C-alpha atoms as a PDB file:
ATOM      1  CA  MET A   1       2.887 -14.808   5.733  1.00  0.00           C
ATOM      2  CA  ASN A   2       1.237 -14.507   2.498  1.00  0.00           C
ATOM      3  CA  GLN A   3       4.306 -14.175   0.016  1.00  0.00           C
ATOM      4  CA  GLU A   4       2.204 -13.056  -2.892  1.00  0.00           C
ATOM      5  CA  LEU A   5      -0.026 -10.598  -0.985  1.00  0.00           C
ATOM      6  CA  LYS A   6       3.079  -8.989   0.070  1.00  0.00           C
ATOM      7  CA  LYS A   7       4.166  -8.895  -3.780  1.00  0.00           C
ATOM      8  CA  LYS A   8       0.942  -7.308  -4.634  1.00  0.00           C
ATOM      9  CA  ILE A   9       0.934  -4.822  -1.612  1.00  0.00           C
ATOM     10  CA  ALA A  10       4.623  -3.683  -2.901  1.00  0.00           C
ATOM     11  CA  GLU A  11       3.808  -3.523  -6.319  1.00  0.00           C
ATOM     12  CA  ILE A  12       0.791  -1.185  -5.495  1.00  0.00           C
ATOM     13  CA  ALA A  13       2.718   0.997  -3.148  1.00  0.00           C
ATOM     14  CA  GLU A  14       5.755   1.057  -6.211  1.00  0.00           C
ATOM     15  CA  GLU A  15       2.770   2.475  -8.544  1.00  0.00           C
ATOM     16  CA  PHE A  16       1.773   5.034  -5.863  1.00  0.00           C
ATOM     17  CA  ALA A  17       5.518   6.323  -5.386  1.00  0.00           C
ATOM     18  CA  SER A  18       6.135   6.099  -9.056  1.00  0.00           C
ATOM     19  CA  CYS A  19       3.225   8.481 -10.058  1.00  0.00           C
ATOM     20  CA  ASP A  20       3.737  11.413  -8.037  1.00  0.00           C
ATOM     21  CA  GLY A  21       0.837  13.419  -8.195  1.00  0.00           C
ATOM     22  CA  ALA A  22      -1.477  10.939  -9.920  1.00  0.00           C
ATOM     23  CA  TYR A  23      -3.029  10.227  -6.508  1.00  0.00           C
ATOM     24  CA  SER A  24      -4.782  12.131  -3.646  1.00  0.00           C
ATOM     25  CA  ASP A  25      -3.334  12.907  -0.105  1.00  0.00           C
ATOM     26  CA  ASN A  26      -6.163  10.339   1.008  1.00  0.00           C
ATOM     27  CA  SER A  27      -5.417   7.542  -1.024  1.00  0.00           C
ATOM     28  CA  MET A  28      -5.555   3.806   0.800  1.00  0.00           C
ATOM     29  CA  LEU A  29      -4.453   0.595   0.040  1.00  0.00           C
ATOM     30  CA  GLU A  30      -7.846  -1.633   0.031  1.00  0.00           C
ATOM     31  CA  ILE A  31      -7.518  -5.253   0.572  1.00  0.00           C
ATOM     32  CA  ASP A  32     -10.699  -7.957   0.218  1.00  0.00           C
ATOM     33  CA  PRO A  33      -9.766 -10.502   2.641  1.00  0.00           C
ATOM     34  CA  ALA A  34     -11.997 -12.860   0.845  1.00  0.00           C
ATOM     35  CA  THR A  35      -9.930 -12.938  -2.349  1.00  0.00           C
ATOM     36  CA  LEU A  36      -7.038 -11.179  -1.448  1.00  0.00           C
ATOM     37  CA  SER A  37      -7.338  -8.617  -4.399  1.00  0.00           C
ATOM     38  CA  VAL A  38      -5.739  -5.325  -3.628  1.00  0.00           C
ATOM     39  CA  ARG A  39      -5.862  -1.771  -5.210  1.00  0.00           C
ATOM     40  CA  ILE A  40      -5.559   2.024  -4.830  1.00  0.00           C
ATOM     41  CA  THR A  41      -8.690   3.751  -3.935  1.00  0.00           C
ATOM     42  CA  ASP A  42      -9.687   7.367  -2.276  1.00  0.00           C
ATOM     43  CA  GLU A  43     -12.806   5.991  -0.428  1.00  0.00           C
ATOM     44  CA  GLU A  44     -13.420   3.254   1.871  1.00  0.00           C
ATOM     45  CA  ASP A  45     -16.633   2.025  -0.009  1.00  0.00           C
ATOM     46  CA  PHE A  46     -17.057  -1.506   1.038  1.00  0.00           C
ATOM     47  CA  PRO A  47     -17.155  -1.962   4.857  1.00  0.00           C
ATOM     48  CA  GLU A  48     -15.958  -5.988   4.484  1.00  0.00           C
ATOM     49  CA  ARG A  49     -12.742  -4.789   3.230  1.00  0.00           C
ATOM     50  CA  ASP A  50      -9.761  -3.353   4.685  1.00  0.00           C
ATOM     51  CA  TYR A  51      -8.155  -0.125   4.147  1.00  0.00           C
ATOM     52  CA  TYR A  52      -4.855   1.146   5.210  1.00  0.00           C
ATOM     53  CA  ASP A  53      -3.080   4.625   4.454  1.00  0.00           C
ATOM     54  CA  ILE A  54      -0.901   4.166   1.784  1.00  0.00           C
ATOM     55  CA  MET A  55       1.637   6.399   3.026  1.00  0.00           C
ATOM     56  CA  ASP A  56       2.161   4.098   5.870  1.00  0.00           C
ATOM     57  CA  LEU A  57       3.741   1.931   3.510  1.00  0.00           C
ATOM     58  CA  MET A  58       6.468   4.584   2.340  1.00  0.00           C
ATOM     59  CA  GLU A  59       9.352   5.999   4.111  1.00  0.00           C
ATOM     60  CA  ALA A  60      11.639   8.887   3.096  1.00  0.00           C
ATOM     61  CA  ASP A  61      14.369   7.958   0.726  1.00  0.00           C
ATOM     62  CA  ILE A  62      17.747   9.283   2.845  1.00  0.00           C
ATOM     63  CA  ASP A  63      19.838   8.542  -0.103  1.00  0.00           C
ATOM     64  CA  ARG A  64      17.448  10.344  -2.235  1.00  0.00           C
ATOM     65  CA  PRO A  65      15.939  13.472  -0.980  1.00  0.00           C
ATOM     66  CA  GLY A  66      12.233  14.345  -1.689  1.00  0.00           C
ATOM     67  CA  GLU A  67      11.588  10.585  -2.937  1.00  0.00           C
ATOM     68  CA  TRP A  68      10.021   7.669  -1.141  1.00  0.00           C
ATOM     69  CA  ARG A  69      10.676   4.107  -1.264  1.00  0.00           C
ATOM     70  CA  LEU A  70       9.067   1.270   0.090  1.00  0.00           C
ATOM     71  CA  PHE A  71       8.674   0.414   4.122  1.00  0.00           C
ATOM     72  CA  ASP A  72       9.212  -3.285   4.078  1.00  0.00           C
ATOM     73  CA  ALA A  73       8.412  -3.559   7.781  1.00  0.00           C
ATOM     74  CA  ALA A  74       5.061  -2.026   7.156  1.00  0.00           C
ATOM     75  CA  ILE A  75       4.363  -4.385   4.247  1.00  0.00           C
ATOM     76  CA  GLU A  76       5.242  -7.282   5.952  1.00  0.00           C
ATOM     77  CA  GLU A  77       2.917  -6.523   9.140  1.00  0.00           C
ATOM     78  CA  ILE A  78       0.109  -6.092   6.706  1.00  0.00           C
ATOM     79  CA  ALA A  79       0.668  -9.115   4.802  1.00  0.00           C
ATOM     80  CA  SER A  80       0.814 -11.341   8.085  1.00  0.00           C
ATOM     81  CA  ASN A  81      -2.570 -10.541   8.903  1.00  0.00           C
ATOM     82  CA  TYR A  82      -3.843 -12.561   6.359  1.00  0.00           C
END
């Protein structure tokens, strides 16, 4: 697994979770397979890039109702594809 990519994905998911209301319900993680750059987007603008629903990277935080935390298994699964 690409540990650097895993870290980038986790950082994007943390950004999404920490900015409640700043992103749309359609937010996606975009990965450019050629450069392994990642970003949050609302549109699948580039057919050569891969897109994942950002909420698939989150899970409800049972210790803090109403808040989200990273879903590590999902992040690892995506990072293992590259």
